[in-house]
């Protein structure tokens, strides 16, 4: 692997010279959205992803880029190939909108596929990969999934897929989204679903590249989900998930309490959760499986 010039290529890089891995984290938010999230949550989606990856693999080198930004350079496939993996964050952007920001992100994702670099994405990251490979994304009809995605189950293809290795027959996960995958592209493999969203996990093979993604957020803590609920309180009330702001605050406060005390049985009971959601390692299982299965062997070979 070759070192990356972070000043000309990305927003930020860390631990570059002696890293175990070199990861590229693509911020799917615009600059205004990154600033807004920092005001509420303390960091952007890409900064949250980077913090999670640094906790999981101390010494990792991470470069963040923002493909949606007008001044951002869309890196070439050859340049992306210098990384061990690409991670694509969630975003308030709607992939089905024909805007310059979305088009720049689609161009970036097509370059990721062409690079052959393994990629992983959450929420809008999955939707971006789907659209870049020829699938379809839509606004969820008359519903929204917020706080906790319930009773996710693997499909027949997903039961033995390494992305979901170690998952229970049914599991809950952090989630907040109003868009969803309508149709996977050719080469897409449906791995998990639930009653709210048919495509909860998928593998996409396109143009020589492979992408594993989930509609939920394994990278986020309960406290970060609580912040997201408060930020989108009006949307949750409009969708009928809460009667008023007090109802949203009640759920957010429970998630904050779980963040502070993951073993609190009373909080788990109030949220209707088991310990697999509260446990940090289990919550991040898909990211761990992606790195162990697709990234580590590639790094060793390089």
C-alpha atoms as a PDB file:
ATOM      1  CA  UNK A   1       0.000   0.000   0.000  1.00  0.00           C
ATOM      2  CA  UNK A   2       1.132   3.542  -0.756  1.00  0.00           C
ATOM      3  CA  UNK A   3       0.689   6.476   1.637  1.00  0.00           C
ATOM      4  CA  UNK A   4      -2.008   9.007   0.767  1.00  0.00           C
ATOM      5  CA  UNK A   5      -1.486  12.757   0.658  1.00  0.00           C
ATOM      6  CA  UNK A   6      -4.306  13.783   2.995  1.00  0.00           C
ATOM      7  CA  UNK A   7      -3.893  17.519   2.410  1.00  0.00           C
ATOM      8  CA  UNK A   8      -4.751  17.240  -1.277  1.00  0.00           C
ATOM      9  CA  UNK A   9      -7.071  14.247  -1.083  1.00  0.00           C
ATOM     10  CA  UNK A  10      -9.096  14.389   2.117  1.00  0.00           C
ATOM     11  CA  UNK A  11     -10.369  16.313   5.066  1.00  0.00           C
ATOM     12  CA  UNK A  12      -8.329  14.570   7.713  1.00  0.00           C
ATOM     13  CA  UNK A  13      -5.900  11.703   8.106  1.00  0.00           C
ATOM     14  CA  UNK A  14      -4.526  10.050  11.228  1.00  0.00           C
ATOM     15  CA  UNK A  15      -1.749   7.598  12.105  1.00  0.00           C
ATOM     16  CA  UNK A  16      -0.719   7.440   8.457  1.00  0.00           C
ATOM     17  CA  UNK A  17       2.808   6.052   8.526  1.00  0.00           C
ATOM     18  CA  UNK A  18       2.538   3.092  10.863  1.00  0.00           C
ATOM     19  CA  UNK A  19      -1.108   2.087  10.480  1.00  0.00           C
ATOM     20  CA  UNK A  20      -2.481  -1.427  10.757  1.00  0.00           C
ATOM     21  CA  UNK A  21      -5.023  -0.439   8.097  1.00  0.00           C
ATOM     22  CA  UNK A  22      -5.572   2.532   5.798  1.00  0.00           C
ATOM     23  CA  UNK A  23      -9.297   3.344   5.622  1.00  0.00           C
ATOM     24  CA  UNK A  24     -11.108   5.909   3.503  1.00  0.00           C
ATOM     25  CA  UNK A  25     -14.267   7.281   5.145  1.00  0.00           C
ATOM     26  CA  UNK A  26     -16.643   9.069   2.780  1.00  0.00           C
ATOM     27  CA  UNK A  27     -18.844  11.690   4.418  1.00  0.00           C
ATOM     28  CA  UNK A  28     -22.252  11.539   2.710  1.00  0.00           C
ATOM     29  CA  UNK A  29     -23.349  14.801   4.332  1.00  0.00           C
ATOM     30  CA  UNK A  30     -22.957  18.263   2.844  1.00  0.00           C
ATOM     31  CA  UNK A  31     -20.819  20.847   4.654  1.00  0.00           C
ATOM     32  CA  UNK A  32     -23.909  22.487   6.199  1.00  0.00           C
ATOM     33  CA  UNK A  33     -25.209  19.113   7.384  1.00  0.00           C
ATOM     34  CA  UNK A  34     -21.828  18.245   8.892  1.00  0.00           C
ATOM     35  CA  UNK A  35     -21.811  21.514  10.806  1.00  0.00           C
ATOM     36  CA  UNK A  36     -25.384  20.988  11.997  1.00  0.00           C
ATOM     37  CA  UNK A  37     -24.590  17.487  13.244  1.00  0.00           C
ATOM     38  CA  UNK A  38     -21.506  18.752  15.061  1.00  0.00           C
ATOM     39  CA  UNK A  39     -23.658  21.317  16.872  1.00  0.00           C
ATOM     40  CA  UNK A  40     -26.079  18.628  18.044  1.00  0.00           C
ATOM     41  CA  UNK A  41     -23.959  15.488  18.349  1.00  0.00           C
ATOM     42  CA  UNK A  42     -20.441  16.886  18.676  1.00  0.00           C
ATOM     43  CA  UNK A  43     -19.161  15.404  15.428  1.00  0.00           C
ATOM     44  CA  UNK A  44     -20.138  14.692  11.834  1.00  0.00           C
ATOM     45  CA  UNK A  45     -21.191  11.273  10.564  1.00  0.00           C
ATOM     46  CA  UNK A  46     -17.720  10.710   9.161  1.00  0.00           C
ATOM     47  CA  UNK A  47     -16.112  11.685  12.443  1.00  0.00           C
ATOM     48  CA  UNK A  48     -18.408   9.245  14.252  1.00  0.00           C
ATOM     49  CA  UNK A  49     -17.453   6.486  11.826  1.00  0.00           C
ATOM     50  CA  UNK A  50     -13.774   7.287  12.213  1.00  0.00           C
ATOM     51  CA  UNK A  51     -14.042   7.213  16.009  1.00  0.00           C
ATOM     52  CA  UNK A  52     -15.715   3.792  15.874  1.00  0.00           C
ATOM     53  CA  UNK A  53     -13.044   2.388  13.553  1.00  0.00           C
ATOM     54  CA  UNK A  54     -10.264   3.810  15.724  1.00  0.00           C
ATOM     55  CA  UNK A  55     -11.785   2.138  18.785  1.00  0.00           C
ATOM     56  CA  UNK A  56     -12.067  -1.168  16.968  1.00  0.00           C
ATOM     57  CA  UNK A  57      -8.552  -1.018  15.461  1.00  0.00           C
ATOM     58  CA  UNK A  58      -6.182   1.246  17.395  1.00  0.00           C
ATOM     59  CA  UNK A  59      -3.473   2.562  15.100  1.00  0.00           C
ATOM     60  CA  UNK A  60      -5.652   2.644  11.996  1.00  0.00           C
ATOM     61  CA  UNK A  61      -4.988   5.467   9.520  1.00  0.00           C
ATOM     62  CA  UNK A  62      -8.178   7.199   8.422  1.00  0.00           C
ATOM     63  CA  UNK A  63      -8.702   9.758   5.680  1.00  0.00           C
ATOM     64  CA  UNK A  64     -12.081  11.466   5.474  1.00  0.00           C
ATOM     65  CA  UNK A  65     -13.377  12.956   2.253  1.00  0.00           C
ATOM     66  CA  UNK A  66     -16.652  14.672   1.377  1.00  0.00           C
ATOM     67  CA  UNK A  67     -17.687  13.731  -2.172  1.00  0.00           C
ATOM     68  CA  UNK A  68     -20.889  15.812  -1.975  1.00  0.00           C
ATOM     69  CA  UNK A  69     -18.958  19.072  -1.605  1.00  0.00           C
ATOM     70  CA  UNK A  70     -18.673  21.178  -4.731  1.00  0.00           C
ATOM     71  CA  UNK A  71     -14.974  21.842  -4.202  1.00  0.00           C
ATOM     72  CA  UNK A  72     -14.159  18.186  -3.522  1.00  0.00           C
ATOM     73  CA  UNK A  73     -12.102  16.204  -5.979  1.00  0.00           C
ATOM     74  CA  UNK A  74     -13.697  12.876  -6.935  1.00  0.00           C
ATOM     75  CA  UNK A  75     -10.766  10.487  -6.500  1.00  0.00           C
ATOM     76  CA  UNK A  76      -9.889   8.107  -9.293  1.00  0.00           C
ATOM     77  CA  UNK A  77     -10.312   4.356  -8.998  1.00  0.00           C
ATOM     78  CA  UNK A  78      -6.519   3.965  -8.951  1.00  0.00           C
ATOM     79  CA  UNK A  79      -6.225   6.309  -6.014  1.00  0.00           C
ATOM     80  CA  UNK A  80      -9.030   4.633  -4.077  1.00  0.00           C
ATOM     81  CA  UNK A  81      -7.308   1.291  -4.650  1.00  0.00           C
ATOM     82  CA  UNK A  82      -4.457   2.443  -2.389  1.00  0.00           C
ATOM     83  CA  UNK A  83      -6.770   2.023   0.612  1.00  0.00           C
ATOM     84  CA  UNK A  84      -7.584  -1.203   2.402  1.00  0.00           C
ATOM     85  CA  UNK A  85     -11.301  -0.383   2.566  1.00  0.00           C
ATOM     86  CA  UNK A  86     -13.876   2.342   2.018  1.00  0.00           C
ATOM     87  CA  UNK A  87     -16.641   3.195   4.513  1.00  0.00           C
ATOM     88  CA  UNK A  88     -19.642   5.275   3.425  1.00  0.00           C
ATOM     89  CA  UNK A  89     -21.656   7.104   6.085  1.00  0.00           C
ATOM     90  CA  UNK A  90     -25.325   7.899   6.462  1.00  0.00           C
ATOM     91  CA  UNK A  91     -26.750  11.228   5.292  1.00  0.00           C
ATOM     92  CA  UNK A  92     -29.932  13.311   5.145  1.00  0.00           C
ATOM     93  CA  UNK A  93     -29.494  13.532   1.350  1.00  0.00           C
ATOM     94  CA  UNK A  94     -32.030  11.665  -0.793  1.00  0.00           C
ATOM     95  CA  UNK A  95     -30.257   9.507  -3.366  1.00  0.00           C
ATOM     96  CA  UNK A  96     -33.226   9.723  -5.767  1.00  0.00           C
ATOM     97  CA  UNK A  97     -32.905  13.537  -6.005  1.00  0.00           C
ATOM     98  CA  UNK A  98     -31.107  14.663  -9.160  1.00  0.00           C
ATOM     99  CA  UNK A  99     -28.879  17.257  -7.485  1.00  0.00           C
ATOM    100  CA  UNK A 100     -25.179  18.042  -8.003  1.00  0.00           C
ATOM    101  CA  UNK A 101     -24.422  16.766  -4.484  1.00  0.00           C
ATOM    102  CA  UNK A 102     -26.033  13.394  -5.205  1.00  0.00           C
ATOM    103  CA  UNK A 103     -24.438  13.128  -8.642  1.00  0.00           C
ATOM    104  CA  UNK A 104     -20.982  13.751  -7.171  1.00  0.00           C
ATOM    105  CA  UNK A 105     -21.556  11.003  -4.613  1.00  0.00           C
ATOM    106  CA  UNK A 106     -22.744   8.578  -7.282  1.00  0.00           C
ATOM    107  CA  UNK A 107     -19.604   9.307  -9.331  1.00  0.00           C
ATOM    108  CA  UNK A 108     -17.499   8.598  -6.247  1.00  0.00           C
ATOM    109  CA  UNK A 109     -19.293   5.310  -5.539  1.00  0.00           C
ATOM    110  CA  UNK A 110     -18.833   4.152  -9.127  1.00  0.00           C
ATOM    111  CA  UNK A 111     -15.117   4.852  -8.761  1.00  0.00           C
ATOM    112  CA  UNK A 112     -15.094   2.781  -5.550  1.00  0.00           C
ATOM    113  CA  UNK A 113     -16.613  -0.183  -7.381  1.00  0.00           C
ATOM    114  CA  UNK A 114     -14.156   0.219 -10.274  1.00  0.00           C
ATOM    115  CA  UNK A 115     -11.211   0.318  -7.844  1.00  0.00           C
ATOM    116  CA  UNK A 116     -11.928  -3.174  -6.539  1.00  0.00           C
ATOM    117  CA  UNK A 117     -11.512  -1.874  -2.976  1.00  0.00           C
ATOM    118  CA  UNK A 118     -13.924  -3.572  -0.555  1.00  0.00           C
ATOM    119  CA  UNK A 119     -16.542  -1.127   0.702  1.00  0.00           C
ATOM    120  CA  UNK A 120     -19.031  -1.002   3.557  1.00  0.00           C
ATOM    121  CA  UNK A 121     -21.879   1.432   4.131  1.00  0.00           C
ATOM    122  CA  UNK A 122     -24.690   2.192   6.556  1.00  0.00           C
ATOM    123  CA  UNK A 123     -28.124   3.656   5.811  1.00  0.00           C
ATOM    124  CA  UNK A 124     -27.599   6.185   2.983  1.00  0.00           C
ATOM    125  CA  UNK A 125     -24.275   4.457   2.322  1.00  0.00           C
ATOM    126  CA  UNK A 126     -26.167   1.310   1.328  1.00  0.00           C
ATOM    127  CA  UNK A 127     -28.623   3.356  -0.723  1.00  0.00           C
ATOM    128  CA  UNK A 128     -25.772   5.104  -2.542  1.00  0.00           C
ATOM    129  CA  UNK A 129     -24.139   1.811  -3.506  1.00  0.00           C
ATOM    130  CA  UNK A 130     -27.479   0.449  -4.711  1.00  0.00           C
ATOM    131  CA  UNK A 131     -28.133   3.471  -6.934  1.00  0.00           C
ATOM    132  CA  UNK A 132     -24.557   3.567  -8.285  1.00  0.00           C
ATOM    133  CA  UNK A 133     -24.867  -0.075  -9.344  1.00  0.00           C
ATOM    134  CA  UNK A 134     -28.222   0.426 -11.085  1.00  0.00           C
ATOM    135  CA  UNK A 135     -30.772  -0.295  -8.349  1.00  0.00           C
ATOM    136  CA  UNK A 136     -33.540   1.967  -7.043  1.00  0.00           C
ATOM    137  CA  UNK A 137     -34.076   3.909  -3.808  1.00  0.00           C
ATOM    138  CA  UNK A 138     -37.345   5.507  -2.696  1.00  0.00           C
ATOM    139  CA  UNK A 139     -38.992   7.449   0.098  1.00  0.00           C
ATOM    140  CA  UNK A 140     -40.536   4.969   2.513  1.00  0.00           C
ATOM    141  CA  UNK A 141     -44.292   4.913   1.882  1.00  0.00           C
ATOM    142  CA  UNK A 142     -46.252   6.199   4.885  1.00  0.00           C
ATOM    143  CA  UNK A 143     -43.698   5.175   7.465  1.00  0.00           C
ATOM    144  CA  UNK A 144     -40.282   5.804   8.988  1.00  0.00           C
ATOM    145  CA  UNK A 145     -37.927   3.560  10.979  1.00  0.00           C
ATOM    146  CA  UNK A 146     -36.427   5.426  13.918  1.00  0.00           C
ATOM    147  CA  UNK A 147     -34.493   4.570  17.043  1.00  0.00           C
ATOM    148  CA  UNK A 148     -34.413   0.797  16.837  1.00  0.00           C
ATOM    149  CA  UNK A 149     -34.929  -1.502  13.843  1.00  0.00           C
ATOM    150  CA  UNK A 150     -36.790  -4.460  15.333  1.00  0.00           C
ATOM    151  CA  UNK A 151     -36.665  -8.175  14.633  1.00  0.00           C
ATOM    152  CA  UNK A 152     -34.252  -8.158  11.704  1.00  0.00           C
ATOM    153  CA  UNK A 153     -33.865 -11.656  10.291  1.00  0.00           C
ATOM    154  CA  UNK A 154     -31.480 -13.143   7.762  1.00  0.00           C
ATOM    155  CA  UNK A 155     -32.774 -14.368   4.423  1.00  0.00           C
ATOM    156  CA  UNK A 156     -31.889 -17.821   3.103  1.00  0.00           C
ATOM    157  CA  UNK A 157     -28.826 -16.250   1.432  1.00  0.00           C
ATOM    158  CA  UNK A 158     -27.963 -14.299   4.554  1.00  0.00           C
ATOM    159  CA  UNK A 159     -28.025 -17.174   7.054  1.00  0.00           C
ATOM    160  CA  UNK A 160     -24.621 -18.410   5.944  1.00  0.00           C
ATOM    161  CA  UNK A 161     -23.193 -15.126   4.666  1.00  0.00           C
ATOM    162  CA  UNK A 162     -20.071 -13.911   6.522  1.00  0.00           C
ATOM    163  CA  UNK A 163     -21.480 -10.392   6.919  1.00  0.00           C
ATOM    164  CA  UNK A 164     -24.008 -11.758   9.427  1.00  0.00           C
ATOM    165  CA  UNK A 165     -21.791 -14.381  11.088  1.00  0.00           C
ATOM    166  CA  UNK A 166     -22.569 -14.536  14.791  1.00  0.00           C
ATOM    167  CA  UNK A 167     -25.979 -12.887  14.521  1.00  0.00           C
ATOM    168  CA  UNK A 168     -28.890 -14.399  16.433  1.00  0.00           C
ATOM    169  CA  UNK A 169     -31.898 -15.683  14.433  1.00  0.00           C
ATOM    170  CA  UNK A 170     -33.463 -12.233  15.021  1.00  0.00           C
ATOM    171  CA  UNK A 171     -31.826  -9.039  16.243  1.00  0.00           C
ATOM    172  CA  UNK A 172     -32.432  -5.333  16.814  1.00  0.00           C
ATOM    173  CA  UNK A 173     -30.151  -2.535  15.639  1.00  0.00           C
ATOM    174  CA  UNK A 174     -29.792   1.260  15.857  1.00  0.00           C
ATOM    175  CA  UNK A 175     -31.651   2.878  12.951  1.00  0.00           C
ATOM    176  CA  UNK A 176     -33.128   6.115  11.697  1.00  0.00           C
ATOM    177  CA  UNK A 177     -34.215   6.536   8.075  1.00  0.00           C
ATOM    178  CA  UNK A 178     -37.114   7.672   5.913  1.00  0.00           C
ATOM    179  CA  UNK A 179     -35.728   6.311   2.620  1.00  0.00           C
ATOM    180  CA  UNK A 180     -35.151   2.687   1.677  1.00  0.00           C
ATOM    181  CA  UNK A 181     -33.909   0.421  -1.089  1.00  0.00           C
ATOM    182  CA  UNK A 182     -36.766  -0.316  -3.464  1.00  0.00           C
ATOM    183  CA  UNK A 183     -34.909  -2.689  -5.787  1.00  0.00           C
ATOM    184  CA  UNK A 184     -31.430  -4.156  -5.597  1.00  0.00           C
ATOM    185  CA  UNK A 185     -29.276  -3.938  -8.735  1.00  0.00           C
ATOM    186  CA  UNK A 186     -28.223  -6.867 -10.851  1.00  0.00           C
ATOM    187  CA  UNK A 187     -25.568  -8.618  -8.775  1.00  0.00           C
ATOM    188  CA  UNK A 188     -27.263  -7.618  -5.515  1.00  0.00           C
ATOM    189  CA  UNK A 189     -27.901 -10.229  -2.841  1.00  0.00           C
ATOM    190  CA  UNK A 190     -30.558  -9.654  -0.192  1.00  0.00           C
ATOM    191  CA  UNK A 191     -29.197 -10.778   3.187  1.00  0.00           C
ATOM    192  CA  UNK A 192     -31.627  -9.517   5.848  1.00  0.00           C
ATOM    193  CA  UNK A 193     -35.091  -7.967   6.206  1.00  0.00           C
ATOM    194  CA  UNK A 194     -37.664  -6.962   8.787  1.00  0.00           C
ATOM    195  CA  UNK A 195     -41.350  -6.023   8.777  1.00  0.00           C
ATOM    196  CA  UNK A 196     -40.627  -2.331   8.142  1.00  0.00           C
ATOM    197  CA  UNK A 197     -37.836  -2.412   5.544  1.00  0.00           C
ATOM    198  CA  UNK A 198     -37.323  -5.287   3.127  1.00  0.00           C
ATOM    199  CA  UNK A 199     -33.626  -4.551   2.431  1.00  0.00           C
ATOM    200  CA  UNK A 200     -31.882  -4.380   5.819  1.00  0.00           C
ATOM    201  CA  UNK A 201     -28.603  -5.926   4.633  1.00  0.00           C
ATOM    202  CA  UNK A 202     -27.196  -6.683   1.204  1.00  0.00           C
ATOM    203  CA  UNK A 203     -24.129  -7.580  -0.824  1.00  0.00           C
ATOM    204  CA  UNK A 204     -23.574  -5.809  -4.134  1.00  0.00           C
ATOM    205  CA  UNK A 205     -21.031  -6.925  -6.721  1.00  0.00           C
ATOM    206  CA  UNK A 206     -20.559  -4.456  -9.541  1.00  0.00           C
ATOM    207  CA  UNK A 207     -17.821  -3.490 -11.998  1.00  0.00           C
ATOM    208  CA  UNK A 208     -15.196  -5.624 -10.263  1.00  0.00           C
ATOM    209  CA  UNK A 209     -15.975  -4.332  -6.778  1.00  0.00           C
ATOM    210  CA  UNK A 210     -17.809  -5.708  -3.753  1.00  0.00           C
ATOM    211  CA  UNK A 211     -19.908  -3.758  -1.267  1.00  0.00           C
ATOM    212  CA  UNK A 212     -21.479  -4.976   1.967  1.00  0.00           C
ATOM    213  CA  UNK A 213     -24.060  -2.713   3.520  1.00  0.00           C
ATOM    214  CA  UNK A 214     -26.838  -2.416   6.065  1.00  0.00           C
ATOM    215  CA  UNK A 215     -29.804  -0.081   6.364  1.00  0.00           C
ATOM    216  CA  UNK A 216     -29.208   0.268  10.100  1.00  0.00           C
ATOM    217  CA  UNK A 217     -26.289   1.889  11.938  1.00  0.00           C
ATOM    218  CA  UNK A 218     -23.827  -0.529  13.602  1.00  0.00           C
ATOM    219  CA  UNK A 219     -21.355   2.334  13.969  1.00  0.00           C
ATOM    220  CA  UNK A 220     -23.621   4.435  16.212  1.00  0.00           C
ATOM    221  CA  UNK A 221     -24.020   4.267  19.978  1.00  0.00           C
ATOM    222  CA  UNK A 222     -27.411   4.509  21.728  1.00  0.00           C
ATOM    223  CA  UNK A 223     -26.502   8.050  22.772  1.00  0.00           C
ATOM    224  CA  UNK A 224     -25.902   9.100  19.170  1.00  0.00           C
ATOM    225  CA  UNK A 225     -29.260   7.635  18.155  1.00  0.00           C
ATOM    226  CA  UNK A 226     -30.860   9.629  20.987  1.00  0.00           C
ATOM    227  CA  UNK A 227     -29.387  12.822  19.528  1.00  0.00           C
ATOM    228  CA  UNK A 228     -30.761  11.911  16.085  1.00  0.00           C
ATOM    229  CA  UNK A 229     -34.249  11.365  17.511  1.00  0.00           C
ATOM    230  CA  UNK A 230     -34.229  14.779  19.153  1.00  0.00           C
ATOM    231  CA  UNK A 231     -33.028  16.445  15.939  1.00  0.00           C
ATOM    232  CA  UNK A 232     -35.832  14.818  13.945  1.00  0.00           C
ATOM    233  CA  UNK A 233     -38.587  15.132  16.527  1.00  0.00           C
ATOM    234  CA  UNK A 234     -40.921  16.973  14.128  1.00  0.00           C
ATOM    235  CA  UNK A 235     -40.560  14.218  11.520  1.00  0.00           C
ATOM    236  CA  UNK A 236     -41.248  11.516  14.102  1.00  0.00           C
ATOM    237  CA  UNK A 237     -44.375  13.276  15.314  1.00  0.00           C
ATOM    238  CA  UNK A 238     -45.591  13.816  11.735  1.00  0.00           C
ATOM    239  CA  UNK A 239     -45.023  10.106  11.009  1.00  0.00           C
ATOM    240  CA  UNK A 240     -47.119   9.153  14.037  1.00  0.00           C
ATOM    241  CA  UNK A 241     -44.288   7.526  15.962  1.00  0.00           C
ATOM    242  CA  UNK A 242     -44.739   9.979  18.835  1.00  0.00           C
ATOM    243  CA  UNK A 243     -47.654  12.185  19.883  1.00  0.00           C
ATOM    244  CA  UNK A 244     -45.502  15.118  20.891  1.00  0.00           C
ATOM    245  CA  UNK A 245     -41.957  16.208  21.717  1.00  0.00           C
ATOM    246  CA  UNK A 246     -42.320  14.771  25.203  1.00  0.00           C
ATOM    247  CA  UNK A 247     -42.835  11.335  23.669  1.00  0.00           C
ATOM    248  CA  UNK A 248     -39.689  11.693  21.577  1.00  0.00           C
ATOM    249  CA  UNK A 249     -37.745  12.905  24.602  1.00  0.00           C
ATOM    250  CA  UNK A 250     -38.911   9.909  26.653  1.00  0.00           C
ATOM    251  CA  UNK A 251     -37.495   7.476  24.099  1.00  0.00           C
ATOM    252  CA  UNK A 252     -34.310   9.503  23.651  1.00  0.00           C
ATOM    253  CA  UNK A 253     -33.772   9.626  27.419  1.00  0.00           C
ATOM    254  CA  UNK A 254     -34.034   5.841  27.634  1.00  0.00           C
ATOM    255  CA  UNK A 255     -31.401   5.484  24.916  1.00  0.00           C
ATOM    256  CA  UNK A 256     -29.163   7.916  26.783  1.00  0.00           C
ATOM    257  CA  UNK A 257     -29.626   5.827  29.922  1.00  0.00           C
ATOM    258  CA  UNK A 258     -28.702   2.667  28.000  1.00  0.00           C
ATOM    259  CA  UNK A 259     -25.608   4.412  26.654  1.00  0.00           C
ATOM    260  CA  UNK A 260     -24.507   5.250  30.197  1.00  0.00           C
ATOM    261  CA  UNK A 261     -25.454   1.879  31.740  1.00  0.00           C
ATOM    262  CA  UNK A 262     -25.566  -0.910  29.107  1.00  0.00           C
ATOM    263  CA  UNK A 263     -26.253  -3.575  31.749  1.00  0.00           C
ATOM    264  CA  UNK A 264     -29.200  -1.800  33.373  1.00  0.00           C
ATOM    265  CA  UNK A 265     -31.940  -4.424  33.220  1.00  0.00           C
ATOM    266  CA  UNK A 266     -34.690  -1.895  33.896  1.00  0.00           C
ATOM    267  CA  UNK A 267     -33.643   0.199  30.889  1.00  0.00           C
ATOM    268  CA  UNK A 268     -33.364  -2.875  28.664  1.00  0.00           C
ATOM    269  CA  UNK A 269     -36.838  -3.930  29.747  1.00  0.00           C
ATOM    270  CA  UNK A 270     -38.294  -0.470  29.128  1.00  0.00           C
ATOM    271  CA  UNK A 271     -36.854  -0.438  25.602  1.00  0.00           C
ATOM    272  CA  UNK A 272     -37.763  -4.064  24.914  1.00  0.00           C
ATOM    273  CA  UNK A 273     -34.137  -4.958  24.152  1.00  0.00           C
ATOM    274  CA  UNK A 274     -31.731  -7.723  25.004  1.00  0.00           C
ATOM    275  CA  UNK A 275     -28.021  -7.448  25.670  1.00  0.00           C
ATOM    276  CA  UNK A 276     -26.962  -7.985  22.063  1.00  0.00           C
ATOM    277  CA  UNK A 277     -28.076  -4.414  21.302  1.00  0.00           C
ATOM    278  CA  UNK A 278     -26.514  -2.965  24.443  1.00  0.00           C
ATOM    279  CA  UNK A 279     -23.181  -4.727  23.938  1.00  0.00           C
ATOM    280  CA  UNK A 280     -20.845  -2.587  21.840  1.00  0.00           C
ATOM    281  CA  UNK A 281     -19.008  -5.466  20.170  1.00  0.00           C
ATOM    282  CA  UNK A 282     -22.239  -7.202  19.170  1.00  0.00           C
ATOM    283  CA  UNK A 283     -23.767  -3.960  17.931  1.00  0.00           C
ATOM    284  CA  UNK A 284     -20.756  -3.500  15.616  1.00  0.00           C
ATOM    285  CA  UNK A 285     -20.668  -7.102  14.440  1.00  0.00           C
ATOM    286  CA  UNK A 286     -21.232  -6.393  10.737  1.00  0.00           C
ATOM    287  CA  UNK A 287     -18.290  -3.993  10.627  1.00  0.00           C
ATOM    288  CA  UNK A 288     -16.075  -6.549  12.373  1.00  0.00           C
ATOM    289  CA  UNK A 289     -17.162  -9.284   9.955  1.00  0.00           C
ATOM    290  CA  UNK A 290     -16.504  -7.049   6.945  1.00  0.00           C
ATOM    291  CA  UNK A 291     -12.981  -6.241   8.097  1.00  0.00           C
ATOM    292  CA  UNK A 292     -12.157  -9.832   9.049  1.00  0.00           C
ATOM    293  CA  UNK A 293     -13.540 -11.349   5.841  1.00  0.00           C
ATOM    294  CA  UNK A 294     -12.763  -8.867   3.064  1.00  0.00           C
ATOM    295  CA  UNK A 295     -10.218  -6.383   4.387  1.00  0.00           C
ATOM    296  CA  UNK A 296      -7.733  -8.372   6.486  1.00  0.00           C
ATOM    297  CA  UNK A 297      -6.954 -10.993   3.779  1.00  0.00           C
ATOM    298  CA  UNK A 298      -6.462  -8.231   1.207  1.00  0.00           C
ATOM    299  CA  UNK A 299      -4.127  -6.360   3.539  1.00  0.00           C
ATOM    300  CA  UNK A 300      -2.061  -9.497   4.194  1.00  0.00           C
ATOM    301  CA  UNK A 301      -1.803 -10.182   0.460  1.00  0.00           C
ATOM    302  CA  UNK A 302      -0.631  -6.600  -0.169  1.00  0.00           C
END
